[in-house]
PDB file of N, CA and C in Angstrom:
ATOM      1  N   MET A   1      66.560  63.823  52.117  1.00  0.00           N
ATOM      2  CA  MET A   1      67.113  63.994  50.787  1.00  0.00           C
ATOM      3  C   MET A   1      66.258  63.259  49.773  1.00  0.00           C
ATOM      4  N   ASN A   2      66.269  63.780  48.550  1.00  0.00           N
ATOM      5  CA  ASN A   2      65.567  63.160  47.439  1.00  0.00           C
ATOM      6  C   ASN A   2      66.490  63.220  46.230  1.00  0.00           C
ATOM      7  N   LEU A   3      66.594  62.125  45.491  1.00  0.00           N
ATOM      8  CA  LEU A   3      67.435  62.117  44.299  1.00  0.00           C
ATOM      9  C   LEU A   3      66.835  63.049  43.259  1.00  0.00           C
ATOM     10  N   ASN A   4      67.626  64.009  42.811  1.00  0.00           N
ATOM     11  CA  ASN A   4      67.182  65.004  41.841  1.00  0.00           C
ATOM     12  C   ASN A   4      67.439  64.531  40.426  1.00  0.00           C
ATOM     13  N   GLN A   5      68.691  64.179  40.126  1.00  0.00           N
ATOM     14  CA  GLN A   5      69.019  63.788  38.762  1.00  0.00           C
ATOM     15  C   GLN A   5      70.214  62.862  38.734  1.00  0.00           C
ATOM     16  N   VAL A   6      70.346  62.181  37.611  1.00  0.00           N
ATOM     17  CA  VAL A   6      71.503  61.370  37.290  1.00  0.00           C
ATOM     18  C   VAL A   6      72.054  61.937  35.993  1.00  0.00           C
ATOM     19  N   THR A   7      73.381  61.980  35.864  1.00  0.00           N
ATOM     20  CA  THR A   7      74.006  62.469  34.644  1.00  0.00           C
ATOM     21  C   THR A   7      74.819  61.348  34.002  1.00  0.00           C
ATOM     22  N   ILE A   8      74.593  61.153  32.706  1.00  0.00           N
ATOM     23  CA  ILE A   8      75.387  60.223  31.920  1.00  0.00           C
ATOM     24  C   ILE A   8      76.353  61.060  31.092  1.00  0.00           C
ATOM     25  N   THR A   9      77.633  60.698  31.136  1.00  0.00           N
ATOM     26  CA  THR A   9      78.618  61.381  30.302  1.00  0.00           C
ATOM     27  C   THR A   9      78.887  60.525  29.075  1.00  0.00           C
ATOM     28  N   THR A  10      79.024  61.183  27.918  1.00  0.00           N
ATOM     29  CA  THR A  10      79.132  60.463  26.657  1.00  0.00           C
ATOM     30  C   THR A  10      79.728  61.344  25.573  1.00  0.00           C
ATOM     31  N   GLU A  11      80.214  60.713  24.532  1.00  0.00           N
ATOM     32  CA  GLU A  11      80.581  61.424  23.307  1.00  0.00           C
ATOM     33  C   GLU A  11      79.391  61.466  22.347  1.00  0.00           C
ATOM     34  N   ASN A  12      78.374  60.669  22.629  1.00  0.00           N
ATOM     35  CA  ASN A  12      77.242  60.465  21.721  1.00  0.00           C
ATOM     36  C   ASN A  12      75.945  61.025  22.301  1.00  0.00           C
ATOM     37  N   THR A  13      75.890  62.316  22.494  1.00  0.00           N
ATOM     38  CA  THR A  13      74.732  62.908  23.165  1.00  0.00           C
ATOM     39  C   THR A  13      73.434  62.711  22.391  1.00  0.00           C
ATOM     40  N   ARG A  14      73.440  62.943  21.103  1.00  0.00           N
ATOM     41  CA  ARG A  14      72.190  62.871  20.323  1.00  0.00           C
ATOM     42  C   ARG A  14      71.572  61.475  20.311  1.00  0.00           C
ATOM     43  N   PRO A  15      72.347  60.394  20.043  1.00  0.00           N
ATOM     44  CA  PRO A  15      71.728  59.065  20.096  1.00  0.00           C
ATOM     45  C   PRO A  15      71.180  58.713  21.479  1.00  0.00           C
ATOM     46  N   LEU A  16      71.868  59.157  22.533  1.00  0.00           N
ATOM     47  CA  LEU A  16      71.371  58.870  23.878  1.00  0.00           C
ATOM     48  C   LEU A  16      70.069  59.608  24.151  1.00  0.00           C
ATOM     49  N   VAL A  17      69.992  60.875  23.781  1.00  0.00           N
ATOM     50  CA  VAL A  17      68.760  61.630  23.981  1.00  0.00           C
ATOM     51  C   VAL A  17      67.615  60.958  23.230  1.00  0.00           C
ATOM     52  N   SER A  18      67.852  60.553  21.999  1.00  0.00           N
ATOM     53  CA  SER A  18      66.827  59.874  21.206  1.00  0.00           C
ATOM     54  C   SER A  18      66.374  58.583  21.884  1.00  0.00           C
ATOM     55  N   PHE A  19      67.318  57.804  22.404  1.00  0.00           N
ATOM     56  CA  PHE A  19      67.001  56.552  23.089  1.00  0.00           C
ATOM     57  C   PHE A  19      66.125  56.799  24.316  1.00  0.00           C
ATOM     58  N   TYR A  20      66.512  57.741  25.163  1.00  0.00           N
ATOM     59  CA  TYR A  20      65.759  57.976  26.399  1.00  0.00           C
ATOM     60  C   TYR A  20      64.394  58.616  26.119  1.00  0.00           C
ATOM     61  N   LYS A  21      64.285  59.383  25.058  1.00  0.00           N
ATOM     62  CA  LYS A  21      62.962  59.886  24.644  1.00  0.00           C
ATOM     63  C   LYS A  21      62.079  58.715  24.218  1.00  0.00           C
ATOM     64  N   LYS A  22      62.661  57.744  23.536  1.00  0.00           N
ATOM     65  CA  LYS A  22      61.906  56.560  23.117  1.00  0.00           C
ATOM     66  C   LYS A  22      61.435  55.766  24.330  1.00  0.00           C
ATOM     67  N   LEU A  23      62.230  55.785  25.417  1.00  0.00           N
ATOM     68  CA  LEU A  23      61.815  55.107  26.652  1.00  0.00           C
ATOM     69  C   LEU A  23      60.669  55.839  27.341  1.00  0.00           C
ATOM     70  N   GLY A  24      60.426  57.108  26.977  1.00  0.00           N
ATOM     71  CA  GLY A  24      59.307  57.847  27.548  1.00  0.00           C
ATOM     72  C   GLY A  24      59.684  59.092  28.319  1.00  0.00           C
ATOM     73  N   LEU A  25      60.976  59.415  28.402  1.00  0.00           N
ATOM     74  CA  LEU A  25      61.386  60.637  29.085  1.00  0.00           C
ATOM     75  C   LEU A  25      61.146  61.834  28.176  1.00  0.00           C
ATOM     76  N   LYS A  26      60.912  62.997  28.772  1.00  0.00           N
ATOM     77  CA  LYS A  26      60.587  64.213  28.029  1.00  0.00           C
ATOM     78  C   LYS A  26      61.780  65.166  28.062  1.00  0.00           C
ATOM     79  N   LEU A  27      62.201  65.620  26.887  1.00  0.00           N
ATOM     80  CA  LEU A  27      63.303  66.564  26.782  1.00  0.00           C
ATOM     81  C   LEU A  27      62.858  67.927  27.306  1.00  0.00           C
ATOM     82  N   ILE A  28      63.588  68.454  28.312  1.00  0.00           N
ATOM     83  CA  ILE A  28      63.206  69.755  28.879  1.00  0.00           C
ATOM     84  C   ILE A  28      64.305  70.806  28.739  1.00  0.00           C
ATOM     85  N   VAL A  29      65.559  70.388  28.477  1.00  0.00           N
ATOM     86  CA  VAL A  29      66.649  71.327  28.203  1.00  0.00           C
ATOM     87  C   VAL A  29      67.417  70.770  27.010  1.00  0.00           C
ATOM     88  N   ASP A  30      67.519  71.568  25.955  1.00  0.00           N
ATOM     89  CA  ASP A  30      68.223  71.141  24.749  1.00  0.00           C
ATOM     90  C   ASP A  30      69.369  72.106  24.462  1.00  0.00           C
ATOM     91  N   ALA A  31      70.568  71.727  24.894  1.00  0.00           N
ATOM     92  CA  ALA A  31      71.772  72.481  24.580  1.00  0.00           C
ATOM     93  C   ALA A  31      72.745  71.551  23.850  1.00  0.00           C
ATOM     94  N   LEU A  32      72.173  70.688  23.005  1.00  0.00           N
ATOM     95  CA  LEU A  32      72.973  69.728  22.255  1.00  0.00           C
ATOM     96  C   LEU A  32      73.881  70.450  21.270  1.00  0.00           C
ATOM     97  N   PRO A  33      75.057  69.930  21.033  1.00  0.00           N
ATOM     98  CA  PRO A  33      75.519  68.597  21.372  1.00  0.00           C
ATOM     99  C   PRO A  33      76.220  68.488  22.728  1.00  0.00           C
ATOM    100  N   ARG A  34      76.258  69.553  23.510  1.00  0.00           N
ATOM    101  CA  ARG A  34      76.986  69.528  24.783  1.00  0.00           C
ATOM    102  C   ARG A  34      76.174  68.972  25.953  1.00  0.00           C
ATOM    103  N   TYR A  35      74.863  69.235  25.983  1.00  0.00           N
ATOM    104  CA  TYR A  35      74.080  68.925  27.182  1.00  0.00           C
ATOM    105  C   TYR A  35      72.595  68.827  26.847  1.00  0.00           C
ATOM    106  N   ALA A  36      71.924  67.940  27.553  1.00  0.00           N
ATOM    107  CA  ALA A  36      70.463  67.852  27.492  1.00  0.00           C
ATOM    108  C   ALA A  36      69.967  67.337  28.834  1.00  0.00           C
ATOM    109  N   ARG A  37      68.759  67.726  29.179  1.00  0.00           N
ATOM    110  CA  ARG A  37      68.125  67.199  30.391  1.00  0.00           C
ATOM    111  C   ARG A  37      66.744  66.698  30.018  1.00  0.00           C
ATOM    112  N   LEU A  38      66.421  65.524  30.558  1.00  0.00           N
ATOM    113  CA  LEU A  38      65.125  64.902  30.314  1.00  0.00           C
ATOM    114  C   LEU A  38      64.424  64.671  31.637  1.00  0.00           C
ATOM    115  N   GLU A  39      63.118  64.730  31.593  1.00  0.00           N
ATOM    116  CA  GLU A  39      62.289  64.580  32.788  1.00  0.00           C
ATOM    117  C   GLU A  39      61.599  63.222  32.749  1.00  0.00           C
ATOM    118  N   CYS A  40      61.598  62.534  33.887  1.00  0.00           N
ATOM    119  CA  CYS A  40      60.893  61.259  33.977  1.00  0.00           C
ATOM    120  C   CYS A  40      59.384  61.500  33.891  1.00  0.00           C
ATOM    121  N   PRO A  41      58.643  60.564  33.291  1.00  0.00           N
ATOM    122  CA  PRO A  41      57.202  60.762  33.158  1.00  0.00           C
ATOM    123  C   PRO A  41      56.469  60.725  34.501  1.00  0.00           C
ATOM    124  N   ASP A  42      57.054  60.085  35.490  1.00  0.00           N
ATOM    125  CA  ASP A  42      56.464  60.021  36.834  1.00  0.00           C
ATOM    126  C   ASP A  42      57.483  60.537  37.836  1.00  0.00           C
ATOM    127  N   GLY A  43      57.043  61.230  38.849  1.00  0.00           N
ATOM    128  CA  GLY A  43      57.953  61.733  39.867  1.00  0.00           C
ATOM    129  C   GLY A  43      58.635  63.011  39.438  1.00  0.00           C
ATOM    130  N   GLU A  44      59.706  63.351  40.139  1.00  0.00           N
ATOM    131  CA  GLU A  44      60.397  64.617  39.921  1.00  0.00           C
ATOM    132  C   GLU A  44      61.818  64.459  39.394  1.00  0.00           C
ATOM    133  N   ALA A  45      62.313  63.246  39.249  1.00  0.00           N
ATOM    134  CA  ALA A  45      63.707  63.039  38.868  1.00  0.00           C
ATOM    135  C   ALA A  45      63.944  63.390  37.400  1.00  0.00           C
ATOM    136  N   THR A  46      65.188  63.807  37.122  1.00  0.00           N
ATOM    137  CA  THR A  46      65.595  64.107  35.755  1.00  0.00           C
ATOM    138  C   THR A  46      66.867  63.336  35.419  1.00  0.00           C
ATOM    139  N   LEU A  47      67.120  63.228  34.129  1.00  0.00           N
ATOM    140  CA  LEU A  47      68.303  62.576  33.611  1.00  0.00           C
ATOM    141  C   LEU A  47      69.019  63.569  32.710  1.00  0.00           C
ATOM    142  N   SER A  48      70.306  63.778  32.960  1.00  0.00           N
ATOM    143  CA  SER A  48      71.102  64.671  32.127  1.00  0.00           C
ATOM    144  C   SER A  48      72.037  63.860  31.261  1.00  0.00           C
ATOM    145  N   ILE A  49      72.241  64.343  30.051  1.00  0.00           N
ATOM    146  CA  ILE A  49      73.209  63.770  29.124  1.00  0.00           C
ATOM    147  C   ILE A  49      74.244  64.860  28.884  1.00  0.00           C
ATOM    148  N   HIS A  50      75.491  64.585  29.232  1.00  0.00           N
ATOM    149  CA  HIS A  50      76.537  65.602  29.169  1.00  0.00           C
ATOM    150  C   HIS A  50      77.704  65.092  28.327  1.00  0.00           C
ATOM    151  N   TYR A  51      78.176  65.918  27.400  1.00  0.00           N
ATOM    152  CA  TYR A  51      79.278  65.542  26.524  1.00  0.00           C
ATOM    153  C   TYR A  51      80.598  65.459  27.287  1.00  0.00           C
ATOM    154  N   THR A  52      81.378  64.408  26.963  1.00  0.00           N
ATOM    155  CA  THR A  52      82.768  64.309  27.417  1.00  0.00           C
ATOM    156  C   THR A  52      83.550  63.528  26.378  1.00  0.00           C
ATOM    157  N   ASP A  53      84.835  63.775  26.306  1.00  0.00           N
ATOM    158  CA  ASP A  53      85.694  62.932  25.482  1.00  0.00           C
ATOM    159  C   ASP A  53      86.676  62.158  26.368  1.00  0.00           C
ATOM    160  N   ASP A  54      86.437  62.162  27.669  1.00  0.00           N
ATOM    161  CA  ASP A  54      87.259  61.427  28.636  1.00  0.00           C
ATOM    162  C   ASP A  54      86.749  59.989  28.721  1.00  0.00           C
ATOM    163  N   VAL A  55      87.513  59.056  28.184  1.00  0.00           N
ATOM    164  CA  VAL A  55      87.091  57.664  28.110  1.00  0.00           C
ATOM    165  C   VAL A  55      86.800  57.056  29.493  1.00  0.00           C
ATOM    166  N   LEU A  56      87.433  57.543  30.532  1.00  0.00           N
ATOM    167  CA  LEU A  56      87.210  56.994  31.875  1.00  0.00           C
ATOM    168  C   LEU A  56      85.846  57.360  32.441  1.00  0.00           C
ATOM    169  N   LEU A  57      85.186  58.363  31.868  1.00  0.00           N
ATOM    170  CA  LEU A  57      83.896  58.798  32.387  1.00  0.00           C
ATOM    171  C   LEU A  57      82.717  58.210  31.621  1.00  0.00           C
ATOM    172  N   LYS A  58      82.961  57.326  30.676  1.00  0.00           N
ATOM    173  CA  LYS A  58      81.896  56.819  29.818  1.00  0.00           C
ATOM    174  C   LYS A  58      81.547  55.372  30.144  1.00  0.00           C
ATOM    175  N   ASN A  59      80.313  54.994  29.823  1.00  0.00           N
ATOM    176  CA  ASN A  59      79.834  53.612  29.846  1.00  0.00           C
ATOM    177  C   ASN A  59      79.935  52.947  31.221  1.00  0.00           C
ATOM    178  N   ASN A  60      79.720  53.698  32.269  1.00  0.00           N
ATOM    179  CA  ASN A  60      79.819  53.112  33.603  1.00  0.00           C
ATOM    180  C   ASN A  60      78.585  53.410  34.443  1.00  0.00           C
ATOM    181  N   THR A  61      77.448  53.602  33.785  1.00  0.00           N
ATOM    182  CA  THR A  61      76.235  53.979  34.494  1.00  0.00           C
ATOM    183  C   THR A  61      75.193  52.870  34.362  1.00  0.00           C
ATOM    184  N   THR A  62      74.502  52.571  35.451  1.00  0.00           N
ATOM    185  CA  THR A  62      73.341  51.683  35.418  1.00  0.00           C
ATOM    186  C   THR A  62      72.163  52.485  35.930  1.00  0.00           C
ATOM    187  N   LEU A  63      71.096  52.523  35.145  1.00  0.00           N
ATOM    188  CA  LEU A  63      69.901  53.278  35.505  1.00  0.00           C
ATOM    189  C   LEU A  63      68.755  52.321  35.784  1.00  0.00           C
ATOM    190  N   TYR A  64      67.948  52.640  36.791  1.00  0.00           N
ATOM    191  CA  TYR A  64      66.766  51.853  37.140  1.00  0.00           C
ATOM    192  C   TYR A  64      65.539  52.739  37.011  1.00  0.00           C
ATOM    193  N   PHE A  65      64.556  52.253  36.256  1.00  0.00           N
ATOM    194  CA  PHE A  65      63.272  52.942  36.133  1.00  0.00           C
ATOM    195  C   PHE A  65      62.187  51.965  36.542  1.00  0.00           C
ATOM    196  N   GLU A  66      61.373  52.351  37.528  1.00  0.00           N
ATOM    197  CA  GLU A  66      60.296  51.466  37.988  1.00  0.00           C
ATOM    198  C   GLU A  66      58.991  51.813  37.290  1.00  0.00           C
ATOM    199  N   ASP A  67      58.250  50.770  36.931  1.00  0.00           N
ATOM    200  CA  ASP A  67      56.936  50.933  36.313  1.00  0.00           C
ATOM    201  C   ASP A  67      56.029  49.819  36.809  1.00  0.00           C
ATOM    202  N   ASP A  68      54.843  50.203  37.269  1.00  0.00           N
ATOM    203  CA  ASP A  68      53.895  49.220  37.796  1.00  0.00           C
ATOM    204  C   ASP A  68      53.387  48.256  36.740  1.00  0.00           C
ATOM    205  N   ASN A  69      53.462  48.647  35.474  1.00  0.00           N
ATOM    206  CA  ASN A  69      52.983  47.818  34.367  1.00  0.00           C
ATOM    207  C   ASN A  69      54.162  47.378  33.497  1.00  0.00           C
ATOM    208  N   LEU A  70      55.157  46.782  34.124  1.00  0.00           N
ATOM    209  CA  LEU A  70      56.417  46.458  33.464  1.00  0.00           C
ATOM    210  C   LEU A  70      56.228  45.652  32.186  1.00  0.00           C
ATOM    211  N   ASP A  71      55.451  44.590  32.241  1.00  0.00           N
ATOM    212  CA  ASP A  71      55.325  43.722  31.077  1.00  0.00           C
ATOM    213  C   ASP A  71      54.682  44.449  29.897  1.00  0.00           C
ATOM    214  N   ILE A  72      53.706  45.269  30.173  1.00  0.00           N
ATOM    215  CA  ILE A  72      53.063  46.061  29.119  1.00  0.00           C
ATOM    216  C   ILE A  72      54.053  47.075  28.561  1.00  0.00           C
ATOM    217  N   LEU A  73      54.805  47.754  29.439  1.00  0.00           N
ATOM    218  CA  LEU A  73      55.807  48.722  29.009  1.00  0.00           C
ATOM    219  C   LEU A  73      56.834  48.073  28.083  1.00  0.00           C
ATOM    220  N   VAL A  74      57.315  46.894  28.442  1.00  0.00           N
ATOM    221  CA  VAL A  74      58.311  46.204  27.628  1.00  0.00           C
ATOM    222  C   VAL A  74      57.746  45.910  26.238  1.00  0.00           C
ATOM    223  N   LYS A  75      56.513  45.437  26.165  1.00  0.00           N
ATOM    224  CA  LYS A  75      55.892  45.162  24.860  1.00  0.00           C
ATOM    225  C   LYS A  75      55.767  46.439  24.034  1.00  0.00           C
ATOM    226  N   GLU A  76      55.378  47.544  24.666  1.00  0.00           N
ATOM    227  CA  GLU A  76      55.263  48.824  23.955  1.00  0.00           C
ATOM    228  C   GLU A  76      56.623  49.284  23.430  1.00  0.00           C
ATOM    229  N   LEU A  77      57.669  49.119  24.237  1.00  0.00           N
ATOM    230  CA  LEU A  77      59.005  49.533  23.822  1.00  0.00           C
ATOM    231  C   LEU A  77      59.551  48.642  22.713  1.00  0.00           C
ATOM    232  N   GLN A  78      59.224  47.356  22.752  1.00  0.00           N
ATOM    233  CA  GLN A  78      59.634  46.467  21.666  1.00  0.00           C
ATOM    234  C   GLN A  78      59.003  46.921  20.348  1.00  0.00           C
ATOM    235  N   LEU A  79      57.753  47.359  20.404  1.00  0.00           N
ATOM    236  CA  LEU A  79      57.086  47.862  19.198  1.00  0.00           C
ATOM    237  C   LEU A  79      57.756  49.125  18.665  1.00  0.00           C
ATOM    238  N   LYS A  80      58.447  49.864  19.546  1.00  0.00           N
ATOM    239  CA  LYS A  80      59.178  51.066  19.144  1.00  0.00           C
ATOM    240  C   LYS A  80      60.603  50.740  18.679  1.00  0.00           C
ATOM    241  N   GLY A  81      60.956  49.462  18.672  1.00  0.00           N
ATOM    242  CA  GLY A  81      62.276  49.065  18.198  1.00  0.00           C
ATOM    243  C   GLY A  81      63.327  48.866  19.266  1.00  0.00           C
ATOM    244  N   ILE A  82      62.959  48.935  20.533  1.00  0.00           N
ATOM    245  CA  ILE A  82      63.916  48.702  21.619  1.00  0.00           C
ATOM    246  C   ILE A  82      64.166  47.197  21.730  1.00  0.00           C
ATOM    247  N   THR A  83      65.446  46.814  21.722  1.00  0.00           N
ATOM    248  CA  THR A  83      65.829  45.411  21.850  1.00  0.00           C
ATOM    249  C   THR A  83      66.304  45.154  23.274  1.00  0.00           C
ATOM    250  N   PHE A  84      65.723  44.166  23.918  1.00  0.00           N
ATOM    251  CA  PHE A  84      66.053  43.852  25.308  1.00  0.00           C
ATOM    252  C   PHE A  84      67.109  42.763  25.388  1.00  0.00           C
ATOM    253  N   ILE A  85      68.012  42.904  26.355  1.00  0.00           N
ATOM    254  CA  ILE A  85      68.993  41.855  26.619  1.00  0.00           C
ATOM    255  C   ILE A  85      68.458  40.884  27.673  1.00  0.00           C
ATOM    256  N   GLN A  86      67.392  41.279  28.372  1.00  0.00           N
ATOM    257  CA  GLN A  86      66.668  40.386  29.279  1.00  0.00           C
ATOM    258  C   GLN A  86      65.217  40.826  29.304  1.00  0.00           C
ATOM    259  N   LEU A  87      64.330  39.927  28.967  1.00  0.00           N
ATOM    260  CA  LEU A  87      62.904  40.218  29.066  1.00  0.00           C
ATOM    261  C   LEU A  87      62.491  40.134  30.528  1.00  0.00           C
ATOM    262  N   PRO A  88      61.299  40.624  30.893  1.00  0.00           N
ATOM    263  CA  PRO A  88      60.895  40.621  32.297  1.00  0.00           C
ATOM    264  C   PRO A  88      61.069  39.246  32.955  1.00  0.00           C
ATOM    265  N   LYS A  89      61.719  39.285  34.097  1.00  0.00           N
ATOM    266  CA  LYS A  89      62.067  38.058  34.820  1.00  0.00           C
ATOM    267  C   LYS A  89      61.949  38.328  36.316  1.00  0.00           C
ATOM    268  N   ASP A  90      61.358  37.395  37.043  1.00  0.00           N
ATOM    269  CA  ASP A  90      61.280  37.492  38.498  1.00  0.00           C
ATOM    270  C   ASP A  90      62.639  37.136  39.081  1.00  0.00           C
ATOM    271  N   GLU A  91      63.212  38.061  39.848  1.00  0.00           N
ATOM    272  CA  GLU A  91      64.528  37.862  40.431  1.00  0.00           C
ATOM    273  C   GLU A  91      64.414  37.406  41.885  1.00  0.00           C
ATOM    274  N   SER A  92      65.492  36.829  42.408  1.00  0.00           N
ATOM    275  CA  SER A  92      65.480  36.300  43.780  1.00  0.00           C
ATOM    276  C   SER A  92      65.330  37.399  44.827  1.00  0.00           C
ATOM    277  N   TRP A  93      65.643  38.656  44.472  1.00  0.00           N
ATOM    278  CA  TRP A  93      65.505  39.767  45.422  1.00  0.00           C
ATOM    279  C   TRP A  93      64.109  40.387  45.364  1.00  0.00           C
ATOM    280  N   LEU A  94      63.158  39.660  44.737  1.00  0.00           N
ATOM    281  CA  LEU A  94      61.725  39.988  44.721  1.00  0.00           C
ATOM    282  C   LEU A  94      61.380  41.170  43.817  1.00  0.00           C
ATOM    283  N   TRP A  95      62.228  41.464  42.850  1.00  0.00           N
ATOM    284  CA  TRP A  95      61.923  42.459  41.826  1.00  0.00           C
ATOM    285  C   TRP A  95      61.700  41.720  40.515  1.00  0.00           C
ATOM    286  N   ARG A  96      60.865  42.274  39.664  1.00  0.00           N
ATOM    287  CA  ARG A  96      60.712  41.782  38.299  1.00  0.00           C
ATOM    288  C   ARG A  96      61.476  42.768  37.415  1.00  0.00           C
ATOM    289  N   GLU A  97      62.434  42.272  36.622  1.00  0.00           N
ATOM    290  CA  GLU A  97      63.328  43.155  35.882  1.00  0.00           C
ATOM    291  C   GLU A  97      63.439  42.775  34.405  1.00  0.00           C
ATOM    292  N   ALA A  98      63.564  43.798  33.591  1.00  0.00           N
ATOM    293  CA  ALA A  98      63.933  43.658  32.182  1.00  0.00           C
ATOM    294  C   ALA A  98      65.151  44.545  31.970  1.00  0.00           C
ATOM    295  N   LYS A  99      66.034  44.148  31.043  1.00  0.00           N
ATOM    296  CA  LYS A  99      67.275  44.901  30.848  1.00  0.00           C
ATOM    297  C   LYS A  99      67.477  45.239  29.378  1.00  0.00           C
ATOM    298  N   VAL A 100      68.013  46.433  29.177  1.00  0.00           N
ATOM    299  CA  VAL A 100      68.332  46.931  27.851  1.00  0.00           C
ATOM    300  C   VAL A 100      69.627  47.729  27.975  1.00  0.00           C
ATOM    301  N   GLN A 101      70.327  47.893  26.862  1.00  0.00           N
ATOM    302  CA  GLN A 101      71.508  48.757  26.853  1.00  0.00           C
ATOM    303  C   GLN A 101      71.193  49.986  26.015  1.00  0.00           C
ATOM    304  N   ASP A 102      71.661  51.142  26.495  1.00  0.00           N
ATOM    305  CA  ASP A 102      71.493  52.350  25.685  1.00  0.00           C
ATOM    306  C   ASP A 102      72.569  52.343  24.591  1.00  0.00           C
ATOM    307  N   PRO A 103      72.547  53.301  23.669  1.00  0.00           N
ATOM    308  CA  PRO A 103      73.512  53.297  22.565  1.00  0.00           C
ATOM    309  C   PRO A 103      74.984  53.345  22.999  1.00  0.00           C
ATOM    310  N   ASP A 104      75.280  53.756  24.224  1.00  0.00           N
ATOM    311  CA  ASP A 104      76.658  53.770  24.726  1.00  0.00           C
ATOM    312  C   ASP A 104      77.021  52.486  25.465  1.00  0.00           C
ATOM    313  N   GLY A 105      76.057  51.602  25.679  1.00  0.00           N
ATOM    314  CA  GLY A 105      76.326  50.366  26.403  1.00  0.00           C
ATOM    315  C   GLY A 105      76.001  50.430  27.876  1.00  0.00           C
ATOM    316  N   ASN A 106      75.473  51.562  28.363  1.00  0.00           N
ATOM    317  CA  ASN A 106      75.044  51.642  29.750  1.00  0.00           C
ATOM    318  C   ASN A 106      73.844  50.719  29.940  1.00  0.00           C
ATOM    319  N   ILE A 107      73.755  50.092  31.075  1.00  0.00           N
ATOM    320  CA  ILE A 107      72.643  49.187  31.371  1.00  0.00           C
ATOM    321  C   ILE A 107      71.468  49.999  31.899  1.00  0.00           C
ATOM    322  N   VAL A 108      70.291  49.722  31.356  1.00  0.00           N
ATOM    323  CA  VAL A 108      69.042  50.320  31.817  1.00  0.00           C
ATOM    324  C   VAL A 108      68.159  49.168  32.283  1.00  0.00           C
ATOM    325  N   ILE A 109      67.772  49.222  33.548  1.00  0.00           N
ATOM    326  CA  ILE A 109      66.922  48.182  34.109  1.00  0.00           C
ATOM    327  C   ILE A 109      65.540  48.785  34.343  1.00  0.00           C
ATOM    328  N   LEU A 110      64.560  48.192  33.688  1.00  0.00           N
ATOM    329  CA  LEU A 110      63.164  48.546  33.915  1.00  0.00           C
ATOM    330  C   LEU A 110      62.632  47.494  34.870  1.00  0.00           C
ATOM    331  N   PHE A 111      61.985  47.921  35.934  1.00  0.00           N
ATOM    332  CA  PHE A 111      61.619  46.948  36.954  1.00  0.00           C
ATOM    333  C   PHE A 111      60.300  47.287  37.620  1.00  0.00           C
ATOM    334  N   LYS A 112      59.794  46.292  38.326  1.00  0.00           N
ATOM    335  CA  LYS A 112      58.638  46.456  39.204  1.00  0.00           C
ATOM    336  C   LYS A 112      59.008  45.787  40.522  1.00  0.00           C
ATOM    337  N   ALA A 113      59.017  46.581  41.588  1.00  0.00           N
ATOM    338  CA  ALA A 113      59.372  46.043  42.900  1.00  0.00           C
ATOM    339  C   ALA A 113      58.284  46.311  43.929  1.00  0.00           C
ATOM    340  N   GLY A 114      57.516  47.353  43.722  1.00  0.00           N
ATOM    341  CA  GLY A 114      56.470  47.688  44.683  1.00  0.00           C
ATOM    342  C   GLY A 114      57.042  47.910  46.068  1.00  0.00           C
ATOM    343  N   GLU A 115      56.408  47.341  47.042  1.00  0.00           N
ATOM    344  CA  GLU A 115      56.814  47.488  48.439  1.00  0.00           C
ATOM    345  C   GLU A 115      58.216  46.937  48.685  1.00  0.00           C
ATOM    346  N   ASN A 116      58.622  45.936  47.906  1.00  0.00           N
ATOM    347  CA  ASN A 116      59.938  45.314  48.103  1.00  0.00           C
ATOM    348  C   ASN A 116      61.104  46.207  47.697  1.00  0.00           C
ATOM    349  N   ARG A 117      60.835  47.320  46.996  1.00  0.00           N
ATOM    350  CA  ARG A 117      61.930  48.208  46.606  1.00  0.00           C
ATOM    351  C   ARG A 117      62.643  48.753  47.836  1.00  0.00           C
ATOM    352  N   LYS A 118      61.881  49.229  48.808  1.00  0.00           N
ATOM    353  CA  LYS A 118      62.488  49.799  50.010  1.00  0.00           C
ATOM    354  C   LYS A 118      62.231  48.972  51.258  1.00  0.00           C
ATOM    355  N   ASN A 119      61.317  48.022  51.166  1.00  0.00           N
ATOM    356  CA  ASN A 119      60.957  47.237  52.349  1.00  0.00           C
ATOM    357  C   ASN A 119      60.930  45.733  52.060  1.00  0.00           C
ATOM    358  N   PRO A 120      62.061  45.173  51.626  1.00  0.00           N
ATOM    359  CA  PRO A 120      62.089  43.722  51.411  1.00  0.00           C
ATOM    360  C   PRO A 120      61.986  43.007  52.758  1.00  0.00           C
ATOM    361  N   PRO A 121      61.637  41.725  52.758  1.00  0.00           N
ATOM    362  CA  PRO A 121      61.523  40.982  54.025  1.00  0.00           C
ATOM    363  C   PRO A 121      62.801  41.004  54.858  1.00  0.00           C
ATOM    364  N   TRP A 122      63.955  41.208  54.237  1.00  0.00           N
ATOM    365  CA  TRP A 122      65.238  41.197  54.955  1.00  0.00           C
ATOM    366  C   TRP A 122      65.715  42.597  55.346  1.00  0.00           C
ATOM    367  N   ARG A 123      64.845  43.596  55.212  1.00  0.00           N
ATOM    368  CA  ARG A 123      65.238  44.963  55.588  1.00  0.00           C
ATOM    369  C   ARG A 123      65.626  45.004  57.066  1.00  0.00           C
ATOM    370  N   ILE A 124      66.653  45.788  57.369  1.00  0.00           N
ATOM    371  CA  ILE A 124      67.102  45.980  58.746  1.00  0.00           C
ATOM    372  C   ILE A 124      66.079  46.825  59.481  1.00  0.00           C
ATOM    373  N   LYS A 125      65.698  46.386  60.638  1.00  0.00           N
ATOM    374  CA  LYS A 125      64.694  47.108  61.434  1.00  0.00           C
ATOM    375  C   LYS A 125      65.303  48.288  62.143  1.00  0.00           C
TER     376      LYS A 125
END
């Protein structure tokens, strides 16, 4: 299996699409204000933004995007006006992470893990 896409449900489709485009994703389906799909710049995964007015389906998503040049990416995004709630930091689980919130309050973690993403020293054999 391979992860194809993640869908965020929101009442605020347009601000979310704008935010994720600023992060570097490419808009490939535009059916706003109901739906949009964006493509990651690397790999095959996509992110969908889908309209809902059901409060239980909103603001409960955490997204992880890996980039080998995390610190440079963070500086570039800051120049685009992205405000981080955590600048790049080495974590105890051997990932380097920066954190930002999208316009709905969902957490977006930009990270660099390399080999430790799937093969940390404590991986089960």
